[in-house]
Amino acid sequence: MPLTDIDRKLLNDLLAGQSGAWRLFVDRFTGLIIQVIKHTAQAHSLKLNTDDIEDLCAETFAELLLRDMAALRAFRGRSSLATYLSVITRRAVVRKLTQHRYLQAMGHVNAHQAAVDYASNDAPPGRQLEQRDHVESLFSRLPQEAAKVLKWIYLDGLSYQQVAKQLGKPLNSVGPLLTRIRAAAGPATAD
């Protein structure tokens, strides 16, 4: 299927820096990107929760913005824009899922396990207190804003939309922000 006139105009406006073009682009293709993420995860026998899907969606959009939208500038119109974005999304998701599996295999994905355990009602009261102390010690090593964001997400159970509102930032900035916080915190394990 060739590039439609609507998509050509949207892409040209976006690359020219037209006001509102990015919002239209995100509105038009978010559903497609989410569908590709879900399909790719299913094809790799992985179950993603809503937060994982939002993270991957936000990271895909962030990747499209890298290097002055290099991936979008490289589009030559030999297929539909939706097909092109599907390929980019699938590659980004596979790369992230592979990275996650590698970190999990190396034992580096348990960073927030104490917070998850603490939030669980199954843990005995004494263990909950230990876990809370452990989580608070992990948070104390982070910058104040990073600790606040992690607390909102993992302890208070706020959605990405609620966190974005609290921070006064766009929704699609929360996933990449969490990724940067996790990378800066480095590997951590729960006792």
N, C-alpha and C. Protein backbone atom coordinates (compact mmCIF):
# COMPACT_ATOMS: atom_id res chain seq x y z
N MET A 1 0.84 -1.17 0.00
CA MET A 1 0.00 0.00 0.00
C MET A 1 0.90 1.25 0.00
N PRO A 2 0.68 2.15 -0.90
CA PRO A 2 1.52 3.35 -0.99
C PRO A 2 1.20 4.36 0.11
N LEU A 3 2.06 5.33 0.21
CA LEU A 3 1.89 6.41 1.17
C LEU A 3 0.67 7.25 0.79
N THR A 4 -0.23 7.47 1.74
CA THR A 4 -1.42 8.27 1.45
C THR A 4 -1.08 9.76 1.52
N ASP A 5 -1.92 10.56 0.88
CA ASP A 5 -1.70 12.01 0.90
C ASP A 5 -1.80 12.58 2.31
N ILE A 6 -2.69 12.03 3.13
CA ILE A 6 -2.85 12.49 4.51
C ILE A 6 -1.56 12.25 5.30
N ASP A 7 -1.01 11.03 5.16
CA ASP A 7 0.22 10.70 5.88
C ASP A 7 1.40 11.50 5.35
N ARG A 8 1.44 11.72 4.04
CA ARG A 8 2.53 12.52 3.44
C ARG A 8 2.51 13.94 4.00
N LYS A 9 1.31 14.54 4.07
CA LYS A 9 1.20 15.90 4.61
C LYS A 9 1.58 15.92 6.09
N LEU A 10 1.09 14.94 6.85
CA LEU A 10 1.41 14.87 8.27
C LEU A 10 2.92 14.73 8.49
N LEU A 11 3.55 13.86 7.73
CA LEU A 11 4.99 13.67 7.84
C LEU A 11 5.76 14.93 7.45
N ASN A 12 5.35 15.56 6.36
CA ASN A 12 6.01 16.81 5.94
C ASN A 12 5.85 17.91 6.99
N ASP A 13 4.65 18.04 7.56
CA ASP A 13 4.42 19.04 8.61
C ASP A 13 5.27 18.74 9.83
N LEU A 14 5.36 17.48 10.18
CA LEU A 14 6.15 17.07 11.34
C LEU A 14 7.63 17.39 11.14
N LEU A 15 8.16 17.01 10.00
CA LEU A 15 9.58 17.25 9.71
C LEU A 15 9.90 18.73 9.54
N ALA A 16 8.89 19.52 9.15
CA ALA A 16 9.08 20.96 9.01
C ALA A 16 8.91 21.69 10.34
N GLY A 17 8.51 20.96 11.36
CA GLY A 17 8.36 21.58 12.68
C GLY A 17 7.07 22.36 12.86
N GLN A 18 6.04 22.01 12.09
CA GLN A 18 4.76 22.70 12.20
C GLN A 18 4.16 22.50 13.59
N SER A 19 3.58 23.55 14.11
CA SER A 19 2.94 23.51 15.42
C SER A 19 1.79 22.50 15.42
N GLY A 20 1.78 21.63 16.42
CA GLY A 20 0.71 20.65 16.56
C GLY A 20 0.89 19.39 15.75
N ALA A 21 1.91 19.33 14.89
CA ALA A 21 2.10 18.16 14.04
C ALA A 21 2.46 16.91 14.86
N TRP A 22 3.30 17.10 15.89
CA TRP A 22 3.68 15.95 16.71
C TRP A 22 2.46 15.37 17.41
N ARG A 23 1.59 16.22 17.94
CA ARG A 23 0.38 15.76 18.63
C ARG A 23 -0.50 14.98 17.67
N LEU A 24 -0.68 15.49 16.45
CA LEU A 24 -1.48 14.77 15.45
C LEU A 24 -0.85 13.42 15.11
N PHE A 25 0.47 13.41 14.98
CA PHE A 25 1.19 12.18 14.67
C PHE A 25 0.98 11.14 15.77
N VAL A 26 1.16 11.57 17.03
CA VAL A 26 0.99 10.67 18.17
C VAL A 26 -0.45 10.17 18.23
N ASP A 27 -1.41 11.06 18.07
CA ASP A 27 -2.82 10.66 18.10
C ASP A 27 -3.14 9.66 16.99
N ARG A 28 -2.56 9.88 15.83
CA ARG A 28 -2.86 9.02 14.68
C ARG A 28 -2.25 7.62 14.82
N PHE A 29 -1.05 7.53 15.39
CA PHE A 29 -0.33 6.25 15.35
C PHE A 29 -0.16 5.54 16.69
N THR A 30 -0.66 6.09 17.78
CA THR A 30 -0.52 5.42 19.08
C THR A 30 -1.21 4.05 19.07
N GLY A 31 -2.40 3.98 18.55
CA GLY A 31 -3.12 2.70 18.49
C GLY A 31 -2.35 1.65 17.71
N LEU A 32 -1.78 2.04 16.59
CA LEU A 32 -0.99 1.11 15.77
C LEU A 32 0.22 0.62 16.55
N ILE A 33 0.93 1.54 17.20
CA ILE A 33 2.13 1.17 17.93
C ILE A 33 1.80 0.23 19.08
N ILE A 34 0.72 0.51 19.79
CA ILE A 34 0.31 -0.37 20.89
C ILE A 34 -0.05 -1.76 20.35
N GLN A 35 -0.75 -1.81 19.23
CA GLN A 35 -1.10 -3.09 18.63
C GLN A 35 0.15 -3.88 18.24
N VAL A 36 1.14 -3.22 17.66
CA VAL A 36 2.38 -3.89 17.27
C VAL A 36 3.13 -4.38 18.50
N ILE A 37 3.14 -3.59 19.57
CA ILE A 37 3.81 -3.99 20.81
C ILE A 37 3.16 -5.27 21.35
N LYS A 38 1.84 -5.28 21.42
CA LYS A 38 1.12 -6.45 21.94
C LYS A 38 1.37 -7.68 21.07
N HIS A 39 1.32 -7.49 19.78
CA HIS A 39 1.54 -8.62 18.85
C HIS A 39 2.96 -9.15 18.97
N THR A 40 3.93 -8.25 19.06
CA THR A 40 5.33 -8.66 19.17
C THR A 40 5.57 -9.41 20.47
N ALA A 41 5.01 -8.91 21.56
CA ALA A 41 5.16 -9.59 22.85
C ALA A 41 4.52 -10.98 22.80
N GLN A 42 3.35 -11.06 22.20
CA GLN A 42 2.66 -12.35 22.08
C GLN A 42 3.49 -13.31 21.23
N ALA A 43 4.07 -12.83 20.17
CA ALA A 43 4.88 -13.67 19.29
C ALA A 43 6.12 -14.19 20.02
N HIS A 44 6.57 -13.46 21.03
CA HIS A 44 7.74 -13.87 21.83
C HIS A 44 7.32 -14.51 23.16
N SER A 45 6.03 -14.88 23.25
CA SER A 45 5.47 -15.54 24.43
C SER A 45 5.69 -14.75 25.72
N LEU A 46 5.52 -13.45 25.64
CA LEU A 46 5.66 -12.59 26.82
C LEU A 46 4.34 -11.93 27.13
N LYS A 47 4.03 -11.84 28.40
CA LYS A 47 2.82 -11.16 28.85
C LYS A 47 3.24 -9.80 29.39
N LEU A 48 2.71 -8.75 28.81
CA LEU A 48 3.04 -7.39 29.25
C LEU A 48 1.86 -6.80 30.00
N ASN A 49 2.17 -6.04 31.05
CA ASN A 49 1.10 -5.32 31.73
C ASN A 49 0.95 -3.94 31.07
N THR A 50 -0.03 -3.20 31.52
CA THR A 50 -0.32 -1.89 30.92
C THR A 50 0.87 -0.95 31.01
N ASP A 51 1.55 -0.95 32.16
CA ASP A 51 2.72 -0.08 32.33
C ASP A 51 3.83 -0.44 31.35
N ASP A 52 4.07 -1.76 31.14
CA ASP A 52 5.09 -2.19 30.19
C ASP A 52 4.75 -1.70 28.79
N ILE A 53 3.48 -1.82 28.42
CA ILE A 53 3.05 -1.40 27.09
C ILE A 53 3.22 0.11 26.94
N GLU A 54 2.84 0.87 27.98
CA GLU A 54 3.01 2.33 27.93
C GLU A 54 4.48 2.70 27.84
N ASP A 55 5.34 2.00 28.59
CA ASP A 55 6.78 2.24 28.53
C ASP A 55 7.30 2.03 27.11
N LEU A 56 6.95 0.89 26.54
CA LEU A 56 7.44 0.56 25.20
C LEU A 56 6.90 1.54 24.15
N CYS A 57 5.66 1.96 24.30
CA CYS A 57 5.08 2.94 23.39
C CYS A 57 5.83 4.26 23.49
N ALA A 58 6.05 4.72 24.71
CA ALA A 58 6.76 5.98 24.91
C ALA A 58 8.19 5.89 24.39
N GLU A 59 8.84 4.75 24.61
CA GLU A 59 10.21 4.59 24.14
C GLU A 59 10.26 4.54 22.61
N THR A 60 9.23 3.98 21.99
CA THR A 60 9.17 3.97 20.53
C THR A 60 9.04 5.39 19.99
N PHE A 61 8.16 6.18 20.59
CA PHE A 61 8.02 7.58 20.16
C PHE A 61 9.32 8.34 20.42
N ALA A 62 9.96 8.07 21.55
CA ALA A 62 11.23 8.74 21.85
C ALA A 62 12.29 8.38 20.82
N GLU A 63 12.29 7.12 20.39
CA GLU A 63 13.25 6.69 19.38
C GLU A 63 13.00 7.40 18.04
N LEU A 64 11.74 7.66 17.74
CA LEU A 64 11.42 8.37 16.51
C LEU A 64 11.93 9.81 16.54
N LEU A 65 12.10 10.37 17.73
CA LEU A 65 12.57 11.75 17.87
C LEU A 65 14.10 11.86 17.88
N LEU A 66 14.78 10.73 18.09
CA LEU A 66 16.24 10.76 18.18
C LEU A 66 16.89 11.33 16.92
N ARG A 67 17.99 12.03 17.15
CA ARG A 67 18.81 12.59 16.06
C ARG A 67 17.95 13.37 15.06
N ASP A 68 17.16 14.29 15.60
CA ASP A 68 16.33 15.15 14.76
C ASP A 68 15.41 14.34 13.85
N MET A 69 14.76 13.33 14.44
CA MET A 69 13.80 12.47 13.74
C MET A 69 14.43 11.74 12.55
N ALA A 70 15.63 11.23 12.76
CA ALA A 70 16.36 10.56 11.68
C ALA A 70 15.57 9.40 11.08
N ALA A 71 14.90 8.62 11.93
CA ALA A 71 14.14 7.46 11.41
C ALA A 71 13.01 7.92 10.50
N LEU A 72 12.35 9.01 10.86
CA LEU A 72 11.26 9.52 10.02
C LEU A 72 11.81 10.18 8.76
N ARG A 73 12.94 10.84 8.89
CA ARG A 73 13.56 11.46 7.71
C ARG A 73 14.05 10.42 6.70
N ALA A 74 14.36 9.21 7.20
CA ALA A 74 14.84 8.14 6.32
C ALA A 74 13.71 7.48 5.54
N PHE A 75 12.47 7.74 5.90
CA PHE A 75 11.33 7.14 5.22
C PHE A 75 11.27 7.64 3.78
N ARG A 76 11.22 6.71 2.83
CA ARG A 76 11.25 7.05 1.40
C ARG A 76 9.90 6.93 0.71
N GLY A 77 8.86 6.51 1.43
CA GLY A 77 7.53 6.45 0.84
C GLY A 77 7.28 5.25 -0.04
N ARG A 78 8.09 4.21 0.07
CA ARG A 78 7.90 3.02 -0.76
C ARG A 78 6.82 2.10 -0.20
N SER A 79 6.37 2.39 1.01
CA SER A 79 5.29 1.64 1.65
C SER A 79 4.41 2.66 2.37
N SER A 80 3.40 2.18 3.04
CA SER A 80 2.60 3.10 3.83
C SER A 80 3.40 3.51 5.06
N LEU A 81 3.07 4.66 5.60
CA LEU A 81 3.74 5.12 6.81
C LEU A 81 3.45 4.17 7.96
N ALA A 82 2.25 3.61 8.00
CA ALA A 82 1.88 2.66 9.05
C ALA A 82 2.77 1.41 9.00
N THR A 83 3.04 0.92 7.81
CA THR A 83 3.91 -0.25 7.66
C THR A 83 5.32 0.07 8.14
N TYR A 84 5.82 1.21 7.75
CA TYR A 84 7.16 1.66 8.15
C TYR A 84 7.25 1.78 9.67
N LEU A 85 6.25 2.40 10.29
CA LEU A 85 6.24 2.56 11.75
C LEU A 85 6.11 1.22 12.46
N SER A 86 5.38 0.29 11.85
CA SER A 86 5.25 -1.04 12.43
C SER A 86 6.60 -1.74 12.51
N VAL A 87 7.38 -1.62 11.47
CA VAL A 87 8.71 -2.24 11.44
C VAL A 87 9.62 -1.60 12.49
N ILE A 88 9.61 -0.27 12.57
CA ILE A 88 10.42 0.43 13.57
C ILE A 88 10.00 0.00 14.98
N THR A 89 8.70 -0.04 15.22
CA THR A 89 8.18 -0.43 16.54
C THR A 89 8.59 -1.85 16.89
N ARG A 90 8.40 -2.76 15.95
CA ARG A 90 8.74 -4.16 16.21
C ARG A 90 10.21 -4.30 16.55
N ARG A 91 11.07 -3.63 15.81
CA ARG A 91 12.51 -3.71 16.09
C ARG A 91 12.85 -3.13 17.46
N ALA A 92 12.24 -2.00 17.79
CA ALA A 92 12.49 -1.37 19.10
C ALA A 92 12.01 -2.27 20.23
N VAL A 93 10.85 -2.88 20.06
CA VAL A 93 10.29 -3.75 21.10
C VAL A 93 11.16 -4.99 21.27
N VAL A 94 11.55 -5.61 20.18
CA VAL A 94 12.40 -6.80 20.27
C VAL A 94 13.72 -6.45 20.96
N ARG A 95 14.29 -5.31 20.62
CA ARG A 95 15.55 -4.88 21.25
C ARG A 95 15.37 -4.69 22.76
N LYS A 96 14.28 -4.02 23.16
CA LYS A 96 14.02 -3.78 24.59
C LYS A 96 13.72 -5.08 25.33
N LEU A 97 12.94 -5.96 24.72
CA LEU A 97 12.61 -7.22 25.37
C LEU A 97 13.84 -8.11 25.50
N THR A 98 14.70 -8.08 24.51
CA THR A 98 15.94 -8.84 24.57
C THR A 98 16.83 -8.28 25.68
N GLN A 99 16.92 -6.97 25.76
CA GLN A 99 17.70 -6.32 26.81
C GLN A 99 17.13 -6.69 28.19
N HIS A 100 15.81 -6.67 28.32
CA HIS A 100 15.16 -7.03 29.58
C HIS A 100 15.46 -8.48 29.96
N ARG A 101 15.36 -9.37 28.99
CA ARG A 101 15.66 -10.79 29.27
C ARG A 101 17.11 -10.96 29.71
N TYR A 102 18.03 -10.24 29.07
CA TYR A 102 19.45 -10.32 29.43
C TYR A 102 19.65 -9.84 30.86
N LEU A 103 19.07 -8.69 31.19
CA LEU A 103 19.21 -8.16 32.55
C LEU A 103 18.57 -9.10 33.57
N GLN A 104 17.45 -9.69 33.20
CA GLN A 104 16.78 -10.63 34.09
C GLN A 104 17.66 -11.85 34.32
N ALA A 105 18.27 -12.35 33.27
CA ALA A 105 19.15 -13.50 33.40
C ALA A 105 20.37 -13.19 34.27
N MET A 106 20.81 -11.93 34.21
CA MET A 106 21.96 -11.52 35.01
C MET A 106 21.56 -11.16 36.44
N GLY A 107 20.24 -11.18 36.74
CA GLY A 107 19.77 -10.89 38.09
C GLY A 107 19.63 -9.42 38.40
N HIS A 108 19.52 -8.56 37.39
CA HIS A 108 19.46 -7.12 37.60
C HIS A 108 18.06 -6.54 37.52
N VAL A 109 17.05 -7.37 37.38
CA VAL A 109 15.69 -6.86 37.20
C VAL A 109 14.90 -6.87 38.50
N ASN A 110 15.51 -7.21 39.59
CA ASN A 110 14.79 -7.29 40.85
C ASN A 110 14.84 -5.98 41.62
N ALA A 111 15.10 -4.88 40.96
CA ALA A 111 15.32 -3.60 41.63
C ALA A 111 14.15 -3.17 42.48
N HIS A 112 12.95 -3.41 42.03
CA HIS A 112 11.81 -2.96 42.82
C HIS A 112 11.05 -4.11 43.48
N GLN A 113 11.69 -5.26 43.61
CA GLN A 113 11.01 -6.41 44.19
C GLN A 113 10.57 -6.14 45.63
N ALA A 114 11.39 -5.43 46.40
CA ALA A 114 11.01 -5.13 47.78
C ALA A 114 9.74 -4.29 47.81
N ALA A 115 9.61 -3.37 46.86
CA ALA A 115 8.40 -2.54 46.80
C ALA A 115 7.20 -3.40 46.43
N VAL A 116 7.38 -4.32 45.51
CA VAL A 116 6.29 -5.20 45.12
C VAL A 116 5.90 -6.09 46.29
N ASP A 117 6.89 -6.66 46.98
CA ASP A 117 6.61 -7.50 48.13
C ASP A 117 5.91 -6.70 49.23
N TYR A 118 6.37 -5.48 49.42
CA TYR A 118 5.78 -4.64 50.46
C TYR A 118 4.31 -4.36 50.15
N ALA A 119 4.02 -4.13 48.88
CA ALA A 119 2.65 -3.81 48.48
C ALA A 119 1.75 -5.03 48.60
N SER A 120 2.33 -6.21 48.62
CA SER A 120 1.55 -7.44 48.73
C SER A 120 1.04 -7.61 50.16
N ASN A 121 -0.20 -8.01 50.28
CA ASN A 121 -0.78 -8.25 51.60
C ASN A 121 -0.38 -9.62 52.14
N ASP A 122 0.33 -10.42 51.32
CA ASP A 122 0.68 -11.77 51.73
C ASP A 122 1.84 -11.81 52.71
N ALA A 123 2.66 -10.77 52.72
CA ALA A 123 3.84 -10.77 53.58
C ALA A 123 3.42 -10.55 55.03
N PRO A 124 4.06 -11.28 55.97
CA PRO A 124 3.74 -11.07 57.38
C PRO A 124 4.16 -9.68 57.83
N PRO A 125 3.52 -9.12 58.88
CA PRO A 125 3.80 -7.75 59.31
C PRO A 125 5.28 -7.47 59.58
N GLY A 126 6.00 -8.40 60.22
CA GLY A 126 7.42 -8.19 60.49
C GLY A 126 8.22 -8.08 59.20
N ARG A 127 7.89 -8.92 58.25
CA ARG A 127 8.59 -8.90 56.95
C ARG A 127 8.26 -7.61 56.20
N GLN A 128 7.01 -7.12 56.31
CA GLN A 128 6.64 -5.87 55.66
C GLN A 128 7.48 -4.72 56.18
N LEU A 129 7.73 -4.69 57.47
CA LEU A 129 8.55 -3.63 58.06
C LEU A 129 9.97 -3.68 57.53
N GLU A 130 10.54 -4.89 57.43
CA GLU A 130 11.88 -5.05 56.87
C GLU A 130 11.90 -4.56 55.42
N GLN A 131 10.89 -4.96 54.67
CA GLN A 131 10.83 -4.59 53.26
C GLN A 131 10.68 -3.08 53.10
N ARG A 132 9.86 -2.47 53.95
CA ARG A 132 9.69 -1.02 53.89
C ARG A 132 11.01 -0.32 54.16
N ASP A 133 11.76 -0.80 55.16
CA ASP A 133 13.07 -0.22 55.47
C ASP A 133 14.01 -0.36 54.28
N HIS A 134 13.96 -1.54 53.64
CA HIS A 134 14.83 -1.77 52.48
C HIS A 134 14.48 -0.82 51.34
N VAL A 135 13.18 -0.69 51.06
CA VAL A 135 12.73 0.21 49.99
C VAL A 135 13.13 1.64 50.30
N GLU A 136 12.92 2.08 51.55
CA GLU A 136 13.29 3.44 51.91
C GLU A 136 14.79 3.68 51.80
N SER A 137 15.60 2.66 52.11
CA SER A 137 17.05 2.84 51.96
C SER A 137 17.43 2.94 50.48
N LEU A 138 16.74 2.16 49.62
CA LEU A 138 17.00 2.27 48.18
C LEU A 138 16.62 3.66 47.68
N PHE A 139 15.47 4.15 48.11
CA PHE A 139 15.00 5.46 47.68
C PHE A 139 15.92 6.58 48.19
N SER A 140 16.48 6.42 49.37
CA SER A 140 17.32 7.48 49.94
C SER A 140 18.60 7.69 49.13
N ARG A 141 18.98 6.69 48.33
CA ARG A 141 20.19 6.81 47.52
C ARG A 141 19.93 7.50 46.18
N LEU A 142 18.67 7.77 45.89
CA LEU A 142 18.30 8.39 44.62
C LEU A 142 18.09 9.89 44.78
N PRO A 143 18.22 10.63 43.68
CA PRO A 143 17.84 12.05 43.74
C PRO A 143 16.36 12.16 44.14
N GLN A 144 16.00 13.28 44.74
CA GLN A 144 14.67 13.47 45.31
C GLN A 144 13.56 13.24 44.28
N GLU A 145 13.67 13.82 43.08
CA GLU A 145 12.61 13.66 42.09
C GLU A 145 12.49 12.21 41.64
N ALA A 146 13.63 11.54 41.46
CA ALA A 146 13.60 10.13 41.04
C ALA A 146 12.92 9.27 42.10
N ALA A 147 13.26 9.48 43.36
CA ALA A 147 12.66 8.72 44.44
C ALA A 147 11.15 8.97 44.50
N LYS A 148 10.77 10.23 44.28
CA LYS A 148 9.35 10.59 44.32
C LYS A 148 8.58 9.86 43.20
N VAL A 149 9.14 9.84 42.00
CA VAL A 149 8.49 9.18 40.87
C VAL A 149 8.37 7.68 41.13
N LEU A 150 9.45 7.06 41.59
CA LEU A 150 9.40 5.62 41.88
C LEU A 150 8.40 5.31 42.99
N LYS A 151 8.34 6.14 44.00
CA LYS A 151 7.38 5.93 45.09
C LYS A 151 5.96 6.01 44.55
N TRP A 152 5.69 7.01 43.73
CA TRP A 152 4.35 7.16 43.16
C TRP A 152 3.94 5.92 42.38
N ILE A 153 4.88 5.41 41.58
CA ILE A 153 4.55 4.28 40.70
C ILE A 153 4.48 2.96 41.49
N TYR A 154 5.55 2.66 42.24
CA TYR A 154 5.66 1.33 42.83
C TYR A 154 5.02 1.19 44.21
N LEU A 155 4.95 2.26 44.97
CA LEU A 155 4.35 2.15 46.31
C LEU A 155 2.93 2.69 46.35
N ASP A 156 2.71 3.83 45.70
CA ASP A 156 1.39 4.44 45.74
C ASP A 156 0.47 3.91 44.64
N GLY A 157 1.06 3.25 43.63
CA GLY A 157 0.26 2.65 42.56
C GLY A 157 -0.36 3.65 41.59
N LEU A 158 0.26 4.82 41.46
CA LEU A 158 -0.27 5.81 40.51
C LEU A 158 -0.02 5.34 39.08
N SER A 159 -0.91 5.72 38.19
CA SER A 159 -0.75 5.40 36.78
C SER A 159 0.24 6.38 36.16
N TYR A 160 0.70 6.07 34.97
CA TYR A 160 1.61 6.97 34.27
C TYR A 160 0.93 8.32 34.05
N GLN A 161 -0.37 8.28 33.76
CA GLN A 161 -1.10 9.52 33.53
C GLN A 161 -1.12 10.38 34.79
N GLN A 162 -1.32 9.76 35.95
CA GLN A 162 -1.33 10.51 37.20
C GLN A 162 0.05 11.07 37.52
N VAL A 163 1.10 10.29 37.25
CA VAL A 163 2.47 10.76 37.49
C VAL A 163 2.78 11.93 36.57
N ALA A 164 2.39 11.82 35.31
CA ALA A 164 2.62 12.92 34.36
C ALA A 164 1.95 14.19 34.84
N LYS A 165 0.73 14.05 35.34
CA LYS A 165 0.00 15.22 35.84
C LYS A 165 0.72 15.81 37.06
N GLN A 166 1.17 14.97 37.98
CA GLN A 166 1.89 15.44 39.17
C GLN A 166 3.16 16.19 38.78
N LEU A 167 3.85 15.70 37.76
CA LEU A 167 5.11 16.31 37.32
C LEU A 167 4.90 17.50 36.39
N GLY A 168 3.69 17.61 35.84
CA GLY A 168 3.42 18.67 34.87
C GLY A 168 4.14 18.41 33.55
N LYS A 169 4.25 17.12 33.19
CA LYS A 169 4.95 16.72 31.96
C LYS A 169 4.00 15.91 31.09
N PRO A 170 4.32 15.76 29.80
CA PRO A 170 3.46 14.94 28.92
C PRO A 170 3.48 13.47 29.35
N LEU A 171 2.38 12.78 29.09
CA LEU A 171 2.25 11.38 29.44
C LEU A 171 3.38 10.53 28.84
N ASN A 172 3.73 10.80 27.59
CA ASN A 172 4.73 9.96 26.94
C ASN A 172 6.16 10.24 27.42
N SER A 173 6.32 11.10 28.42
CA SER A 173 7.65 11.32 28.98
C SER A 173 7.90 10.47 30.22
N VAL A 174 6.86 9.86 30.78
CA VAL A 174 7.01 9.11 32.03
C VAL A 174 7.80 7.82 31.82
N GLY A 175 7.50 7.06 30.77
CA GLY A 175 8.23 5.81 30.50
C GLY A 175 9.72 6.03 30.33
N PRO A 176 10.13 6.96 29.43
CA PRO A 176 11.56 7.22 29.29
C PRO A 176 12.19 7.75 30.58
N LEU A 177 11.44 8.54 31.35
CA LEU A 177 11.96 9.04 32.63
C LEU A 177 12.26 7.86 33.56
N LEU A 178 11.34 6.90 33.65
CA LEU A 178 11.58 5.72 34.47
C LEU A 178 12.78 4.93 33.97
N THR A 179 12.93 4.81 32.68
CA THR A 179 14.07 4.10 32.11
C THR A 179 15.37 4.78 32.52
N ARG A 180 15.41 6.12 32.44
CA ARG A 180 16.62 6.85 32.85
C ARG A 180 16.89 6.69 34.34
N ILE A 181 15.84 6.71 35.16
CA ILE A 181 16.00 6.54 36.61
C ILE A 181 16.57 5.16 36.91
N ARG A 182 15.99 4.15 36.27
CA ARG A 182 16.47 2.77 36.50
C ARG A 182 17.92 2.62 36.06
N ALA A 183 18.25 3.21 34.91
CA ALA A 183 19.64 3.11 34.42
C ALA A 183 20.60 3.84 35.37
N ALA A 184 20.19 4.99 35.86
CA ALA A 184 21.05 5.75 36.78
C ALA A 184 21.21 5.04 38.12
N ALA A 185 20.15 4.35 38.56
CA ALA A 185 20.22 3.65 39.84
C ALA A 185 21.12 2.43 39.76
N GLY A 186 21.28 1.89 38.55
CA GLY A 186 22.13 0.72 38.40
C GLY A 186 21.45 -0.53 38.93
N PRO A 187 22.14 -1.66 38.84
CA PRO A 187 21.54 -2.90 39.31
C PRO A 187 21.36 -2.88 40.82
N ALA A 188 20.21 -3.34 41.23
CA ALA A 188 19.91 -3.47 42.66
C ALA A 188 19.12 -4.74 42.86
N THR A 189 19.30 -5.34 43.96
CA THR A 189 18.56 -6.57 44.25
C THR A 189 17.91 -6.44 45.60
N ALA A 190 16.80 -7.11 45.74
CA ALA A 190 16.12 -7.14 47.03
C ALA A 190 16.64 -8.30 47.84
N ASP A 191 16.80 -8.09 49.13
CA ASP A 191 17.27 -9.18 50.00
C ASP A 191 16.17 -10.16 50.26
